[in-house]
Amino acid sequence: MEKKRKDWLNAAKILFELPNSKVLCPNCEDAFLDVKDIYFDELNSDLGGERYITCPKCNKYEAILIRAKTVNFGSNVDNNS
């Protein structure tokens, strides 16, 4: 597996567990990754959703499927502010 892919998987693991962490973009290494969670059903957050991890500089992103509500799900973090 190529290094950038491993770096993205590592970033996703960190931000899955701690969405407020400052993780440098594995692609451009010029900005911290932002986190935004989207619920499958806004009226029932227990169903989970997807966590989008994006770089505001190069626009690369990764999505993580979250099958059930976790303690840290529901985050919208701009780590570059």
Protein backbone atom coordinates (compact mmCIF):
# COMPACT_ATOMS: atom_id res chain seq x y z
CA MET A 1 0.00 0.00 0.00
CA GLU A 2 1.35 3.42 -0.88
CA LYS A 3 2.46 5.81 1.86
CA LYS A 4 -0.20 8.50 1.23
CA ARG A 5 -2.99 5.90 1.49
CA LYS A 6 -1.55 4.63 4.78
CA ASP A 7 -1.31 8.23 6.01
CA TRP A 8 -4.97 8.85 5.09
CA LEU A 9 -6.05 5.69 6.92
CA ASN A 10 -4.09 6.77 9.98
CA ALA A 11 -5.64 10.26 9.85
CA ALA A 12 -9.11 8.72 9.54
CA LYS A 13 -8.46 6.50 12.56
CA ILE A 14 -7.32 9.45 14.68
CA LEU A 15 -10.25 11.66 13.62
CA PHE A 16 -12.74 8.83 14.11
CA GLU A 17 -11.71 8.61 17.74
CA LEU A 18 -10.91 12.29 18.41
CA PRO A 19 -12.53 14.62 15.84
CA ASN A 20 -11.03 17.74 17.46
CA SER A 21 -7.46 16.52 16.82
CA LYS A 22 -5.25 18.62 14.61
CA VAL A 23 -4.15 16.26 11.84
CA LEU A 24 -2.13 17.60 8.92
CA CYS A 25 -3.46 16.72 5.47
CA PRO A 26 -1.60 13.64 4.21
CA ASN A 27 -1.91 14.89 0.64
CA CYS A 28 -0.66 18.50 0.62
CA GLU A 29 0.68 18.78 4.20
CA ASP A 30 -0.34 22.47 4.15
CA ALA A 31 -3.51 22.49 6.28
CA PHE A 32 -5.23 20.62 9.06
CA LEU A 33 -8.11 18.31 8.17
CA ASP A 34 -11.66 19.45 8.96
CA VAL A 35 -14.40 17.12 10.20
CA LYS A 36 -18.12 17.20 9.38
CA ASP A 37 -20.64 14.54 10.38
CA ILE A 38 -23.79 13.93 8.36
CA TYR A 39 -26.58 11.89 9.97
CA PHE A 40 -28.47 9.30 7.94
CA ASP A 41 -31.65 10.53 9.60
CA GLU A 42 -31.70 13.96 11.28
CA LEU A 43 -34.62 12.85 13.47
CA ASN A 44 -32.84 9.70 14.69
CA SER A 45 -29.12 10.28 15.25
CA ASP A 46 -28.77 6.78 16.75
CA LEU A 47 -28.74 5.39 13.20
CA GLY A 48 -25.27 6.85 12.62
CA GLY A 49 -24.10 8.50 9.43
CA GLU A 50 -20.91 9.49 7.67
CA ARG A 51 -17.92 11.49 8.86
CA TYR A 52 -16.30 13.57 6.12
CA ILE A 53 -12.67 14.48 6.62
CA THR A 54 -11.59 17.21 4.22
CA CYS A 55 -8.62 19.40 3.50
CA PRO A 56 -9.56 23.06 2.95
CA LYS A 57 -6.36 23.64 0.97
CA CYS A 58 -6.25 20.82 -1.63
CA ASN A 59 -9.90 19.64 -1.29
CA LYS A 60 -8.96 15.97 -0.86
CA TYR A 61 -11.36 14.08 1.39
CA GLU A 62 -12.15 10.76 3.00
CA ALA A 63 -15.52 9.50 4.24
CA ILE A 64 -16.01 7.16 7.18
CA LEU A 65 -19.19 5.16 7.64
CA ILE A 66 -20.45 5.26 11.23
CA ARG A 67 -23.12 2.61 11.68
CA ALA A 68 -24.40 3.68 15.09
CA LYS A 69 -24.19 6.81 17.18
CA THR A 70 -20.94 7.09 19.10
CA VAL A 71 -19.96 9.50 21.84
CA ASN A 72 -18.09 11.79 19.43
CA PHE A 73 -20.47 11.61 16.48
CA GLY A 74 -22.16 14.87 15.57
CA SER A 75 -18.97 16.85 15.13
CA ASN A 76 -18.39 19.78 12.83
CA VAL A 77 -14.82 20.88 13.41
CA ASP A 78 -12.86 23.50 11.49
CA ASN A 79 -9.35 22.68 12.64
CA ASN A 80 -7.84 25.62 10.74
CA SER A 81 -9.48 28.39 12.78
